[in-house]
Amino acid sequence: MKILVTGGSGFLGKRLVRRLLGGGNDVYCLVRPGSDTPSFRAAVTGDGPGRLHVVHGSLNRIDAAFDALAVAGCDTVIHAAAAMGGGAPVLFLNNVVALREFLALLRRLPTPVRRFVHISSLGIYGTDHLRRGDTLDETCPLDPKPHERDPYSYSKIAQEQVAWEAREQHGLPLVVIRPGVIYGPGRGCMSNRIGLRVGPLMVRMGGRQQLPYTHVDNCAAAVALAASVEGIEAQAFNVLDDGLPQARRVLARYRGEVERLKVLPVPYWAISPLSGACEWYHRWSEGQLPAVLTRYKSMALWKRLKYSNDKAKRVLGWAPQVAFDDGLRQTLEWSRRQLESQESRAA
């Protein structure tokens, strides 16, 4: 196959491109001008029989690169590019508007693509209707109140809605992958699913909630299958590791093997009252202090749910190859080396 990958130089993207090349595919990567292309090539090529083609451009300025991509005749597109930070306007410009314009350009191709794989997020689901202990799977709807979430989640929900609209209105051959929190060497394992970090202090929210994590290599394998398995258009797949751990276990391992963080535990029963107090103070101060916590956002992050990866296994034929304990060990070793390097430079 000839596959166009956006976001190929990112954390997930590099592992994905390496896997696609190893499968003998021609891979065209949209890379921002000024990026360290030689380092990127060295990181992804390996010994795979496929061929890598670097196309300079970005989703916000793709017109200059579009002619080259059209001539290349890519039959499959994997959209892994996403802005992770910034305010709501920046996130919407880079995630939502950019995807809408990109899909409009794809419709100009002389030959339509056979598959468009969109990398979404497990965070797009609405969980307000779920009770503690319920299972979150692909039957759950997208969050009906995205404006009550954080700006990143809001932008990812709106971004996926754009993709489904293109499916309904223009017949986009869409497949959606919804990874959990992607971890592994290069990113780390501490996320807001565990709690809120403030400098050397971790405010641990609950502790017994299951962490919906996926190792970067496991996720890359699922995305590669989503690009090749036939007859799966108009479907979405959750990608999560087996044997998901509780938050308190991962935090304990991190404190024991990487960094002795101070921990302020907030019991599960106290999360909702604490969030309600933050909402009240936000209203009382007439918005002078942002509502960092709200009951809606808190339950989306820390409600005790179960998570299913059954559909990806059954339909894609996927299975996590990196066991969670092995992936966590790799990640903690990387995190420890990073911290030691930082401390050495600061000394």
C-alpha atoms as a PDB file:
ATOM      1  CA  MET A   1       0.000   0.000   0.000  1.00  0.00           C
ATOM      2  CA  LYS A   2       0.890   3.657  -0.378  1.00  0.00           C
ATOM      3  CA  ILE A   3       0.052   5.241   2.958  1.00  0.00           C
ATOM      4  CA  LEU A   4       0.039   8.904   3.932  1.00  0.00           C
ATOM      5  CA  VAL A   5       0.661   9.464   7.647  1.00  0.00           C
ATOM      6  CA  THR A   6       0.129  12.800   9.357  1.00  0.00           C
ATOM      7  CA  GLY A   7       1.822  13.186  12.723  1.00  0.00           C
ATOM      8  CA  GLY A   8       4.415  10.601  11.728  1.00  0.00           C
ATOM      9  CA  SER A   9       7.169  12.346  13.675  1.00  0.00           C
ATOM     10  CA  GLY A  10       5.192  12.223  16.934  1.00  0.00           C
ATOM     11  CA  PHE A  11       5.390   9.759  19.821  1.00  0.00           C
ATOM     12  CA  LEU A  12       2.909   7.293  18.336  1.00  0.00           C
ATOM     13  CA  GLY A  13       3.697   8.273  14.757  1.00  0.00           C
ATOM     14  CA  LYS A  14       7.325   7.120  14.798  1.00  0.00           C
ATOM     15  CA  ARG A  15       6.406   3.649  16.073  1.00  0.00           C
ATOM     16  CA  LEU A  16       3.578   3.457  13.553  1.00  0.00           C
ATOM     17  CA  VAL A  17       5.718   4.496  10.571  1.00  0.00           C
ATOM     18  CA  ARG A  18       8.406   2.006  11.535  1.00  0.00           C
ATOM     19  CA  ARG A  19       5.798  -0.776  11.676  1.00  0.00           C
ATOM     20  CA  LEU A  20       4.248   0.212   8.328  1.00  0.00           C
ATOM     21  CA  LEU A  21       7.653   0.272   6.649  1.00  0.00           C
ATOM     22  CA  GLY A  22       8.428  -3.119   8.153  1.00  0.00           C
ATOM     23  CA  GLY A  23       5.301  -4.405   6.420  1.00  0.00           C
ATOM     24  CA  GLY A  24       6.678  -3.394   3.027  1.00  0.00           C
ATOM     25  CA  ASN A  25       4.498  -0.315   2.507  1.00  0.00           C
ATOM     26  CA  ASP A  26       5.425   2.944   0.826  1.00  0.00           C
ATOM     27  CA  VAL A  27       4.908   5.524   3.581  1.00  0.00           C
ATOM     28  CA  TYR A  28       4.541   9.232   2.889  1.00  0.00           C
ATOM     29  CA  CYS A  29       5.004  11.338   6.021  1.00  0.00           C
ATOM     30  CA  LEU A  30       3.830  14.901   6.280  1.00  0.00           C
ATOM     31  CA  VAL A  31       6.643  16.587   8.247  1.00  0.00           C
ATOM     32  CA  ARG A  32       6.803  20.208   9.300  1.00  0.00           C
ATOM     33  CA  PRO A  33       9.376  22.350   7.429  1.00  0.00           C
ATOM     34  CA  GLY A  34      12.498  22.820   9.543  1.00  0.00           C
ATOM     35  CA  SER A  35      12.125  19.459  11.303  1.00  0.00           C
ATOM     36  CA  ASP A  36      15.198  17.298  11.837  1.00  0.00           C
ATOM     37  CA  THR A  37      14.510  15.021   8.882  1.00  0.00           C
ATOM     38  CA  PRO A  38      17.747  12.961   9.109  1.00  0.00           C
ATOM     39  CA  SER A  39      17.025  12.075  12.755  1.00  0.00           C
ATOM     40  CA  PHE A  40      13.453  11.189  11.873  1.00  0.00           C
ATOM     41  CA  ARG A  41      14.586   8.906   9.058  1.00  0.00           C
ATOM     42  CA  ALA A  42      17.105   7.202  11.341  1.00  0.00           C
ATOM     43  CA  ALA A  43      14.428   6.643  13.993  1.00  0.00           C
ATOM     44  CA  VAL A  44      11.853   5.006  11.715  1.00  0.00           C
ATOM     45  CA  THR A  45      13.545   3.233   8.827  1.00  0.00           C
ATOM     46  CA  GLY A  46      15.334   0.328  10.544  1.00  0.00           C
ATOM     47  CA  ASP A  47      15.657  -2.721   8.300  1.00  0.00           C
ATOM     48  CA  GLY A  48      12.115  -2.701   6.896  1.00  0.00           C
ATOM     49  CA  PRO A  49      11.610  -3.374   3.185  1.00  0.00           C
ATOM     50  CA  GLY A  50       9.234  -0.431   2.758  1.00  0.00           C
ATOM     51  CA  ARG A  51      10.151   2.986   1.436  1.00  0.00           C
ATOM     52  CA  LEU A  52       9.892   6.260   3.339  1.00  0.00           C
ATOM     53  CA  HIS A  53       8.998   9.512   1.577  1.00  0.00           C
ATOM     54  CA  VAL A  54       9.136  12.772   3.509  1.00  0.00           C
ATOM     55  CA  VAL A  55       6.763  15.511   2.352  1.00  0.00           C
ATOM     56  CA  HIS A  56       7.302  18.882   3.989  1.00  0.00           C
ATOM     57  CA  GLY A  57       4.172  20.669   5.091  1.00  0.00           C
ATOM     58  CA  SER A  58       1.625  20.934   7.894  1.00  0.00           C
ATOM     59  CA  LEU A  59      -2.116  20.528   8.193  1.00  0.00           C
ATOM     60  CA  ASN A  60      -2.516  24.273   8.514  1.00  0.00           C
ATOM     61  CA  ARG A  61      -0.509  24.816   5.314  1.00  0.00           C
ATOM     62  CA  ILE A  62      -0.955  21.644   3.340  1.00  0.00           C
ATOM     63  CA  ASP A  63      -1.691  23.195  -0.067  1.00  0.00           C
ATOM     64  CA  ALA A  64       2.005  23.391  -0.945  1.00  0.00           C
ATOM     65  CA  ALA A  65       2.449  19.687  -0.225  1.00  0.00           C
ATOM     66  CA  PHE A  66      -0.859  18.529  -1.645  1.00  0.00           C
ATOM     67  CA  ASP A  67       0.227  18.282  -5.282  1.00  0.00           C
ATOM     68  CA  ALA A  68       3.086  15.978  -4.303  1.00  0.00           C
ATOM     69  CA  LEU A  69       0.716  13.788  -2.310  1.00  0.00           C
ATOM     70  CA  ALA A  70      -1.809  13.685  -5.153  1.00  0.00           C
ATOM     71  CA  VAL A  71       0.851  12.619  -7.623  1.00  0.00           C
ATOM     72  CA  ALA A  72       2.086   9.957  -5.210  1.00  0.00           C
ATOM     73  CA  GLY A  73      -1.358   8.355  -5.351  1.00  0.00           C
ATOM     74  CA  CYS A  74      -1.669   7.377  -1.691  1.00  0.00           C
ATOM     75  CA  ASP A  75      -4.593   4.978  -1.285  1.00  0.00           C
ATOM     76  CA  THR A  76      -4.690   5.038   2.521  1.00  0.00           C
ATOM     77  CA  VAL A  77      -4.494   7.942   4.966  1.00  0.00           C
ATOM     78  CA  ILE A  78      -3.721   7.650   8.678  1.00  0.00           C
ATOM     79  CA  HIS A  79      -4.438  10.895  10.494  1.00  0.00           C
ATOM     80  CA  ALA A  80      -2.388  10.828  13.688  1.00  0.00           C
ATOM     81  CA  ALA A  81      -1.529  14.526  13.922  1.00  0.00           C
ATOM     82  CA  ALA A  82      -3.028  16.413  16.866  1.00  0.00           C
ATOM     83  CA  ALA A  83      -2.236  19.452  18.955  1.00  0.00           C
ATOM     84  CA  MET A  84      -1.892  18.473  22.615  1.00  0.00           C
ATOM     85  CA  GLY A  85      -1.599  21.850  24.313  1.00  0.00           C
ATOM     86  CA  GLY A  86      -2.623  25.473  24.111  1.00  0.00           C
ATOM     87  CA  GLY A  87      -5.835  27.335  24.707  1.00  0.00           C
ATOM     88  CA  ALA A  88      -9.190  26.400  23.222  1.00  0.00           C
ATOM     89  CA  PRO A  89      -8.777  28.592  20.085  1.00  0.00           C
ATOM     90  CA  VAL A  90      -5.381  27.046  19.267  1.00  0.00           C
ATOM     91  CA  LEU A  91      -6.626  23.500  19.860  1.00  0.00           C
ATOM     92  CA  PHE A  92      -9.698  24.016  17.702  1.00  0.00           C
ATOM     93  CA  LEU A  93      -7.664  25.597  14.911  1.00  0.00           C
ATOM     94  CA  ASN A  94      -5.076  22.787  14.855  1.00  0.00           C
ATOM     95  CA  ASN A  95      -7.375  19.834  15.543  1.00  0.00           C
ATOM     96  CA  VAL A  96     -10.842  20.667  14.240  1.00  0.00           C
ATOM     97  CA  VAL A  97     -10.431  23.294  11.521  1.00  0.00           C
ATOM     98  CA  ALA A  98      -7.291  21.643  10.146  1.00  0.00           C
ATOM     99  CA  LEU A  99      -9.055  18.273   9.805  1.00  0.00           C
ATOM    100  CA  ARG A 100     -12.057  19.842   8.078  1.00  0.00           C
ATOM    101  CA  GLU A 101      -9.790  21.538   5.526  1.00  0.00           C
ATOM    102  CA  PHE A 102      -7.687  18.391   5.079  1.00  0.00           C
ATOM    103  CA  LEU A 103     -10.759  16.287   4.300  1.00  0.00           C
ATOM    104  CA  ALA A 104     -11.924  18.902   1.795  1.00  0.00           C
ATOM    105  CA  LEU A 105      -8.563  18.626   0.011  1.00  0.00           C
ATOM    106  CA  LEU A 106      -8.767  14.832  -0.051  1.00  0.00           C
ATOM    107  CA  ARG A 107     -12.067  15.092  -1.907  1.00  0.00           C
ATOM    108  CA  ARG A 108     -10.154  16.782  -4.746  1.00  0.00           C
ATOM    109  CA  LEU A 109      -8.026  13.706  -5.392  1.00  0.00           C
ATOM    110  CA  PRO A 110      -8.603  12.174  -8.833  1.00  0.00           C
ATOM    111  CA  THR A 111      -8.901   8.739  -7.184  1.00  0.00           C
ATOM    112  CA  PRO A 112     -10.638   8.566  -3.784  1.00  0.00           C
ATOM    113  CA  VAL A 113      -8.709   7.003  -0.924  1.00  0.00           C
ATOM    114  CA  ARG A 114      -9.756   3.468   0.051  1.00  0.00           C
ATOM    115  CA  ARG A 115      -9.383   4.042   3.796  1.00  0.00           C
ATOM    116  CA  PHE A 116      -9.108   7.007   6.172  1.00  0.00           C
ATOM    117  CA  VAL A 117      -7.974   6.004   9.665  1.00  0.00           C
ATOM    118  CA  HIS A 118      -8.583   8.724  12.240  1.00  0.00           C
ATOM    119  CA  ILE A 119      -6.751   8.535  15.571  1.00  0.00           C
ATOM    120  CA  SER A 120      -9.169   9.818  18.161  1.00  0.00           C
ATOM    121  CA  SER A 121      -9.109   9.274  21.935  1.00  0.00           C
ATOM    122  CA  LEU A 122     -10.864   7.246  24.598  1.00  0.00           C
ATOM    123  CA  GLY A 123     -11.566  10.600  26.242  1.00  0.00           C
ATOM    124  CA  ILE A 124     -14.291  11.441  23.716  1.00  0.00           C
ATOM    125  CA  TYR A 125     -16.908   9.318  25.482  1.00  0.00           C
ATOM    126  CA  GLY A 126     -19.614  10.641  27.690  1.00  0.00           C
ATOM    127  CA  THR A 127     -19.535   8.749  30.978  1.00  0.00           C
ATOM    128  CA  ASP A 128     -22.181  10.661  32.919  1.00  0.00           C
ATOM    129  CA  HIS A 129     -24.761   7.911  32.292  1.00  0.00           C
ATOM    130  CA  LEU A 130     -22.445   5.143  33.490  1.00  0.00           C
ATOM    131  CA  ARG A 131     -22.491   3.935  37.079  1.00  0.00           C
ATOM    132  CA  ARG A 132     -19.442   2.966  39.076  1.00  0.00           C
ATOM    133  CA  GLY A 133     -18.272  -0.451  37.915  1.00  0.00           C
ATOM    134  CA  ASP A 134     -19.934  -0.240  34.473  1.00  0.00           C
ATOM    135  CA  THR A 135     -17.963  -1.114  31.349  1.00  0.00           C
ATOM    136  CA  LEU A 136     -17.058   1.541  28.814  1.00  0.00           C
ATOM    137  CA  ASP A 137     -17.022   0.165  25.273  1.00  0.00           C
ATOM    138  CA  GLU A 138     -17.731   1.328  21.719  1.00  0.00           C
ATOM    139  CA  THR A 139     -21.505   1.377  22.325  1.00  0.00           C
ATOM    140  CA  CYS A 140     -21.114   4.407  24.589  1.00  0.00           C
ATOM    141  CA  PRO A 141     -21.970   7.721  22.883  1.00  0.00           C
ATOM    142  CA  LEU A 142     -19.666  10.657  22.322  1.00  0.00           C
ATOM    143  CA  ASP A 143     -19.829  13.130  25.193  1.00  0.00           C
ATOM    144  CA  PRO A 144     -23.066  15.143  24.796  1.00  0.00           C
ATOM    145  CA  LYS A 145     -21.610  17.997  26.874  1.00  0.00           C
ATOM    146  CA  PRO A 146     -18.140  18.568  25.387  1.00  0.00           C
ATOM    147  CA  HIS A 147     -18.197  22.218  26.472  1.00  0.00           C
ATOM    148  CA  GLU A 148     -18.059  21.029  30.094  1.00  0.00           C
ATOM    149  CA  ARG A 149     -14.775  19.189  29.514  1.00  0.00           C
ATOM    150  CA  ASP A 150     -11.217  20.515  29.247  1.00  0.00           C
ATOM    151  CA  PRO A 151     -10.256  22.273  25.977  1.00  0.00           C
ATOM    152  CA  TYR A 152      -8.228  19.327  24.639  1.00  0.00           C
ATOM    153  CA  SER A 153     -11.037  16.801  25.159  1.00  0.00           C
ATOM    154  CA  TYR A 154     -13.533  19.264  23.671  1.00  0.00           C
ATOM    155  CA  SER A 155     -11.363  19.657  20.555  1.00  0.00           C
ATOM    156  CA  LYS A 156     -10.948  15.870  20.145  1.00  0.00           C
ATOM    157  CA  ILE A 157     -14.704  15.318  20.451  1.00  0.00           C
ATOM    158  CA  ALA A 158     -15.382  18.024  17.857  1.00  0.00           C
ATOM    159  CA  GLN A 159     -12.605  16.634  15.638  1.00  0.00           C
ATOM    160  CA  GLU A 160     -14.144  13.168  15.590  1.00  0.00           C
ATOM    161  CA  GLN A 161     -17.556  14.654  14.865  1.00  0.00           C
ATOM    162  CA  VAL A 162     -16.039  16.316  11.769  1.00  0.00           C
ATOM    163  CA  ALA A 163     -14.769  12.915  10.600  1.00  0.00           C
ATOM    164  CA  TRP A 164     -18.181  11.262  11.055  1.00  0.00           C
ATOM    165  CA  GLU A 165     -19.892  14.146   9.240  1.00  0.00           C
ATOM    166  CA  ALA A 166     -17.545  13.558   6.298  1.00  0.00           C
ATOM    167  CA  ARG A 167     -18.515   9.891   6.388  1.00  0.00           C
ATOM    168  CA  GLU A 168     -22.232  10.684   6.341  1.00  0.00           C
ATOM    169  CA  GLN A 169     -22.136  13.534   3.821  1.00  0.00           C
ATOM    170  CA  HIS A 170     -19.357  12.505   1.448  1.00  0.00           C
ATOM    171  CA  GLY A 171     -18.886   8.763   1.964  1.00  0.00           C
ATOM    172  CA  LEU A 172     -15.483   9.006   3.618  1.00  0.00           C
ATOM    173  CA  PRO A 173     -14.208   5.415   4.105  1.00  0.00           C
ATOM    174  CA  LEU A 174     -13.633   6.105   7.782  1.00  0.00           C
ATOM    175  CA  VAL A 175     -12.222   3.896  10.532  1.00  0.00           C
ATOM    176  CA  VAL A 176     -11.696   5.412  13.990  1.00  0.00           C
ATOM    177  CA  ILE A 177      -9.153   4.269  16.546  1.00  0.00           C
ATOM    178  CA  ARG A 178      -9.732   5.458  20.118  1.00  0.00           C
ATOM    179  CA  PRO A 179      -6.616   4.788  22.191  1.00  0.00           C
ATOM    180  CA  GLY A 180      -6.495   5.079  25.921  1.00  0.00           C
ATOM    181  CA  VAL A 181      -3.617   7.003  27.486  1.00  0.00           C
ATOM    182  CA  ILE A 182      -0.597   6.113  25.335  1.00  0.00           C
ATOM    183  CA  TYR A 183       2.497   5.461  27.423  1.00  0.00           C
ATOM    184  CA  GLY A 184       5.966   4.024  26.897  1.00  0.00           C
ATOM    185  CA  PRO A 185       9.621   5.059  26.742  1.00  0.00           C
ATOM    186  CA  GLY A 186       9.594   8.582  25.401  1.00  0.00           C
ATOM    187  CA  ARG A 187       6.511   9.834  27.210  1.00  0.00           C
ATOM    188  CA  GLY A 188       6.163   8.346  30.692  1.00  0.00           C
ATOM    189  CA  CYS A 189       3.285   6.819  32.623  1.00  0.00           C
ATOM    190  CA  MET A 190       2.074   9.636  34.883  1.00  0.00           C
ATOM    191  CA  SER A 191      -1.158  11.181  33.637  1.00  0.00           C
ATOM    192  CA  ASN A 192      -4.143  13.098  34.949  1.00  0.00           C
ATOM    193  CA  ARG A 193      -5.978   9.769  35.158  1.00  0.00           C
ATOM    194  CA  ILE A 194      -3.958   9.288  38.352  1.00  0.00           C
ATOM    195  CA  GLY A 195      -4.359  12.802  39.688  1.00  0.00           C
ATOM    196  CA  LEU A 196      -3.119  16.357  39.427  1.00  0.00           C
ATOM    197  CA  ARG A 197       0.577  17.086  39.757  1.00  0.00           C
ATOM    198  CA  VAL A 198       1.652  20.399  41.262  1.00  0.00           C
ATOM    199  CA  GLY A 199       5.448  20.576  41.259  1.00  0.00           C
ATOM    200  CA  PRO A 200       6.777  17.846  43.581  1.00  0.00           C
ATOM    201  CA  LEU A 201       3.245  17.121  44.876  1.00  0.00           C
ATOM    202  CA  MET A 202       0.825  14.613  43.364  1.00  0.00           C
ATOM    203  CA  VAL A 203      -2.799  15.097  44.339  1.00  0.00           C
ATOM    204  CA  ARG A 204      -3.947  11.511  43.920  1.00  0.00           C
ATOM    205  CA  MET A 205      -7.623  11.375  43.013  1.00  0.00           C
ATOM    206  CA  GLY A 206      -9.123   8.165  44.317  1.00  0.00           C
ATOM    207  CA  GLY A 207      -6.609   5.415  43.641  1.00  0.00           C
ATOM    208  CA  ARG A 208      -8.610   2.279  42.980  1.00  0.00           C
ATOM    209  CA  GLN A 209      -9.823   3.384  39.526  1.00  0.00           C
ATOM    210  CA  GLN A 210      -8.580   1.360  36.569  1.00  0.00           C
ATOM    211  CA  LEU A 211      -6.178   3.197  34.275  1.00  0.00           C
ATOM    212  CA  PRO A 212      -7.189   2.980  30.584  1.00  0.00           C
ATOM    213  CA  TYR A 213      -3.624   2.796  29.245  1.00  0.00           C
ATOM    214  CA  THR A 214      -2.074   1.359  26.099  1.00  0.00           C
ATOM    215  CA  HIS A 215       1.609   0.851  25.342  1.00  0.00           C
ATOM    216  CA  VAL A 216       2.736   2.809  22.292  1.00  0.00           C
ATOM    217  CA  ASP A 217       3.796  -0.361  20.442  1.00  0.00           C
ATOM    218  CA  ASN A 218       0.458  -2.042  21.120  1.00  0.00           C
ATOM    219  CA  CYS A 219      -1.356   1.036  19.844  1.00  0.00           C
ATOM    220  CA  ALA A 220       0.795   1.248  16.700  1.00  0.00           C
ATOM    221  CA  ALA A 221      -0.021  -2.378  15.905  1.00  0.00           C
ATOM    222  CA  ALA A 222      -3.758  -1.700  16.177  1.00  0.00           C
ATOM    223  CA  VAL A 223      -3.543   1.350  13.900  1.00  0.00           C
ATOM    224  CA  ALA A 224      -1.595  -0.619  11.280  1.00  0.00           C
ATOM    225  CA  LEU A 225      -4.319  -3.296  11.297  1.00  0.00           C
ATOM    226  CA  ALA A 226      -7.025  -0.639  10.990  1.00  0.00           C
ATOM    227  CA  ALA A 227      -5.352   0.475   7.756  1.00  0.00           C
ATOM    228  CA  SER A 228      -5.323  -2.988   6.203  1.00  0.00           C
ATOM    229  CA  VAL A 229      -8.206  -5.146   7.492  1.00  0.00           C
ATOM    230  CA  GLU A 230     -10.999  -5.235   4.916  1.00  0.00           C
ATOM    231  CA  GLY A 231     -14.659  -4.452   5.484  1.00  0.00           C
ATOM    232  CA  ILE A 232     -14.416  -2.380   8.676  1.00  0.00           C
ATOM    233  CA  GLU A 233     -15.464   1.052   7.357  1.00  0.00           C
ATOM    234  CA  ALA A 234     -17.681   3.181   9.609  1.00  0.00           C
ATOM    235  CA  GLN A 235     -16.494   1.426  12.754  1.00  0.00           C
ATOM    236  CA  ALA A 236     -14.626   2.622  15.850  1.00  0.00           C
ATOM    237  CA  PHE A 237     -12.264   0.591  18.028  1.00  0.00           C
ATOM    238  CA  ASN A 238     -11.064   1.152  21.575  1.00  0.00           C
ATOM    239  CA  VAL A 239      -7.384   0.278  22.014  1.00  0.00           C
ATOM    240  CA  LEU A 240      -6.367  -0.634  25.553  1.00  0.00           C
ATOM    241  CA  ASP A 241      -3.882  -3.011  27.127  1.00  0.00           C
ATOM    242  CA  ASP A 242      -4.900  -6.165  28.949  1.00  0.00           C
ATOM    243  CA  GLY A 243      -4.500  -6.340  32.716  1.00  0.00           C
ATOM    244  CA  LEU A 244      -5.123  -2.643  33.317  1.00  0.00           C
ATOM    245  CA  PRO A 245      -3.776  -1.560  36.738  1.00  0.00           C
ATOM    246  CA  GLN A 246      -5.221   0.595  39.458  1.00  0.00           C
ATOM    247  CA  ALA A 247      -3.937   4.167  39.695  1.00  0.00           C
ATOM    248  CA  ARG A 248      -2.429   3.690  43.143  1.00  0.00           C
ATOM    249  CA  ARG A 249      -0.306   0.780  41.892  1.00  0.00           C
ATOM    250  CA  VAL A 250       1.276   2.804  39.074  1.00  0.00           C
ATOM    251  CA  LEU A 251       1.895   5.752  41.384  1.00  0.00           C
ATOM    252  CA  ALA A 252       3.521   3.487  43.980  1.00  0.00           C
ATOM    253  CA  ARG A 253       5.810   1.981  41.338  1.00  0.00           C
ATOM    254  CA  TYR A 254       6.756   5.443  40.086  1.00  0.00           C
ATOM    255  CA  ARG A 255       7.547   6.688  43.597  1.00  0.00           C
ATOM    256  CA  GLY A 256       9.578   3.581  44.361  1.00  0.00           C
ATOM    257  CA  GLU A 257      11.570   3.420  41.122  1.00  0.00           C
ATOM    258  CA  VAL A 258      11.788   6.981  39.740  1.00  0.00           C
ATOM    259  CA  GLU A 259      10.982   9.857  42.063  1.00  0.00           C
ATOM    260  CA  ARG A 260       9.784  10.072  45.648  1.00  0.00           C
ATOM    261  CA  LEU A 261       6.878  12.407  45.015  1.00  0.00           C
ATOM    262  CA  LYS A 262       4.869  13.769  47.908  1.00  0.00           C
ATOM    263  CA  VAL A 263       1.303  12.498  47.684  1.00  0.00           C
ATOM    264  CA  LEU A 264      -1.897  14.144  48.861  1.00  0.00           C
ATOM    265  CA  PRO A 265      -4.574  11.432  48.632  1.00  0.00           C
ATOM    266  CA  VAL A 266      -8.132  12.505  47.909  1.00  0.00           C
ATOM    267  CA  PRO A 267     -10.512   9.595  48.644  1.00  0.00           C
ATOM    268  CA  TYR A 268     -12.964   8.665  45.928  1.00  0.00           C
ATOM    269  CA  TRP A 269     -15.937   9.760  48.038  1.00  0.00           C
ATOM    270  CA  ALA A 270     -14.396  13.244  48.431  1.00  0.00           C
ATOM    271  CA  ILE A 271     -13.802  13.951  44.727  1.00  0.00           C
ATOM    272  CA  SER A 272     -17.355  15.104  43.978  1.00  0.00           C
ATOM    273  CA  PRO A 273     -17.688  17.413  47.048  1.00  0.00           C
ATOM    274  CA  LEU A 274     -14.241  18.900  46.365  1.00  0.00           C
ATOM    275  CA  SER A 275     -15.147  19.509  42.725  1.00  0.00           C
ATOM    276  CA  GLY A 276     -18.439  21.061  43.759  1.00  0.00           C
ATOM    277  CA  ALA A 277     -16.586  23.428  46.105  1.00  0.00           C
ATOM    278  CA  CYS A 278     -14.316  24.498  43.236  1.00  0.00           C
ATOM    279  CA  GLU A 279     -17.385  25.185  41.087  1.00  0.00           C
ATOM    280  CA  TRP A 280     -18.974  27.215  43.872  1.00  0.00           C
ATOM    281  CA  TYR A 281     -15.836  29.292  44.433  1.00  0.00           C
ATOM    282  CA  HIS A 282     -15.564  29.923  40.693  1.00  0.00           C
ATOM    283  CA  ARG A 283     -19.105  31.338  40.698  1.00  0.00           C
ATOM    284  CA  TRP A 284     -18.620  33.237  43.958  1.00  0.00           C
ATOM    285  CA  SER A 285     -15.456  34.907  42.668  1.00  0.00           C
ATOM    286  CA  GLU A 286     -17.293  35.783  39.441  1.00  0.00           C
ATOM    287  CA  GLY A 287     -14.817  33.800  37.415  1.00  0.00           C
ATOM    288  CA  GLN A 288     -11.658  35.365  38.836  1.00  0.00           C
ATOM    289  CA  LEU A 289     -10.381  31.849  39.574  1.00  0.00           C
ATOM    290  CA  PRO A 290     -11.015  29.153  36.970  1.00  0.00           C
ATOM    291  CA  ALA A 291     -12.974  26.057  37.904  1.00  0.00           C
ATOM    292  CA  VAL A 292     -10.014  23.684  37.622  1.00  0.00           C
ATOM    293  CA  LEU A 293     -12.225  20.909  38.959  1.00  0.00           C
ATOM    294  CA  THR A 294     -15.897  20.409  38.178  1.00  0.00           C
ATOM    295  CA  ARG A 295     -18.021  17.425  39.059  1.00  0.00           C
ATOM    296  CA  TYR A 296     -18.543  16.652  35.371  1.00  0.00           C
ATOM    297  CA  LYS A 297     -14.834  16.722  34.464  1.00  0.00           C
ATOM    298  CA  SER A 298     -13.865  14.819  37.610  1.00  0.00           C
ATOM    299  CA  MET A 299     -16.204  11.930  36.945  1.00  0.00           C
ATOM    300  CA  ALA A 300     -15.021  11.748  33.321  1.00  0.00           C
ATOM    301  CA  LEU A 301     -11.470  11.242  34.593  1.00  0.00           C
ATOM    302  CA  TRP A 302     -11.745   9.350  37.863  1.00  0.00           C
ATOM    303  CA  LYS A 303     -14.991   7.395  37.941  1.00  0.00           C
ATOM    304  CA  ARG A 304     -14.324   3.721  38.685  1.00  0.00           C
ATOM    305  CA  LEU A 305     -15.118   2.105  35.352  1.00  0.00           C
ATOM    306  CA  LYS A 306     -14.088  -1.023  33.497  1.00  0.00           C
ATOM    307  CA  TYR A 307     -12.760  -0.784  29.941  1.00  0.00           C
ATOM    308  CA  SER A 308     -13.189  -3.233  27.093  1.00  0.00           C
ATOM    309  CA  ASN A 309     -10.836  -3.966  24.184  1.00  0.00           C
ATOM    310  CA  ASP A 310     -12.888  -6.959  22.987  1.00  0.00           C
ATOM    311  CA  LYS A 311     -13.997  -5.408  19.697  1.00  0.00           C
ATOM    312  CA  ALA A 312     -10.450  -4.626  18.536  1.00  0.00           C
ATOM    313  CA  LYS A 313      -9.440  -8.196  19.317  1.00  0.00           C
ATOM    314  CA  ARG A 314     -12.450  -9.742  17.624  1.00  0.00           C
ATOM    315  CA  VAL A 315     -12.707  -7.600  14.470  1.00  0.00           C
ATOM    316  CA  LEU A 316      -9.137  -6.406  13.868  1.00  0.00           C
ATOM    317  CA  GLY A 317      -7.480  -9.597  15.051  1.00  0.00           C
ATOM    318  CA  TRP A 318      -5.359  -7.469  17.350  1.00  0.00           C
ATOM    319  CA  ALA A 319      -3.881  -8.425  20.698  1.00  0.00           C
ATOM    320  CA  PRO A 320      -1.485  -6.470  22.952  1.00  0.00           C
ATOM    321  CA  GLN A 321       2.009  -7.890  22.465  1.00  0.00           C
ATOM    322  CA  VAL A 322       3.622  -5.820  25.225  1.00  0.00           C
ATOM    323  CA  ALA A 323       2.307  -6.934  28.616  1.00  0.00           C
ATOM    324  CA  PHE A 324       1.510  -4.088  30.969  1.00  0.00           C
ATOM    325  CA  ASP A 325       4.125  -5.073  33.553  1.00  0.00           C
ATOM    326  CA  ASP A 326       6.819  -5.158  30.863  1.00  0.00           C
ATOM    327  CA  GLY A 327       5.694  -1.864  29.373  1.00  0.00           C
ATOM    328  CA  LEU A 328       5.586  -0.198  32.774  1.00  0.00           C
ATOM    329  CA  ARG A 329       9.081  -1.443  33.610  1.00  0.00           C
ATOM    330  CA  GLN A 330      10.462  -0.063  30.322  1.00  0.00           C
ATOM    331  CA  THR A 331       8.739   3.246  30.901  1.00  0.00           C
ATOM    332  CA  LEU A 332       9.893   3.653  34.499  1.00  0.00           C
ATOM    333  CA  GLU A 333      13.485   2.900  33.473  1.00  0.00           C
ATOM    334  CA  TRP A 334      13.263   5.585  30.776  1.00  0.00           C
ATOM    335  CA  SER A 335      11.708   8.072  33.221  1.00  0.00           C
ATOM    336  CA  ARG A 336      14.462   7.432  35.767  1.00  0.00           C
ATOM    337  CA  ARG A 337      17.176   8.045  33.162  1.00  0.00           C
ATOM    338  CA  GLN A 338      15.462  11.263  32.094  1.00  0.00           C
ATOM    339  CA  LEU A 339      15.277  12.506  35.688  1.00  0.00           C
ATOM    340  CA  GLU A 340      18.927  11.598  36.347  1.00  0.00           C
ATOM    341  CA  SER A 341      19.967  13.444  33.195  1.00  0.00           C
ATOM    342  CA  GLN A 342      18.032  16.540  34.258  1.00  0.00           C
ATOM    343  CA  GLU A 343      19.563  16.470  37.716  1.00  0.00           C
ATOM    344  CA  SER A 344      23.049  16.038  36.229  1.00  0.00           C
ATOM    345  CA  ARG A 345      22.611  19.070  33.971  1.00  0.00           C
ATOM    346  CA  ALA A 346      21.298  21.138  36.890  1.00  0.00           C
ATOM    347  CA  ALA A 347      24.231  20.217  39.174  1.00  0.00           C
END
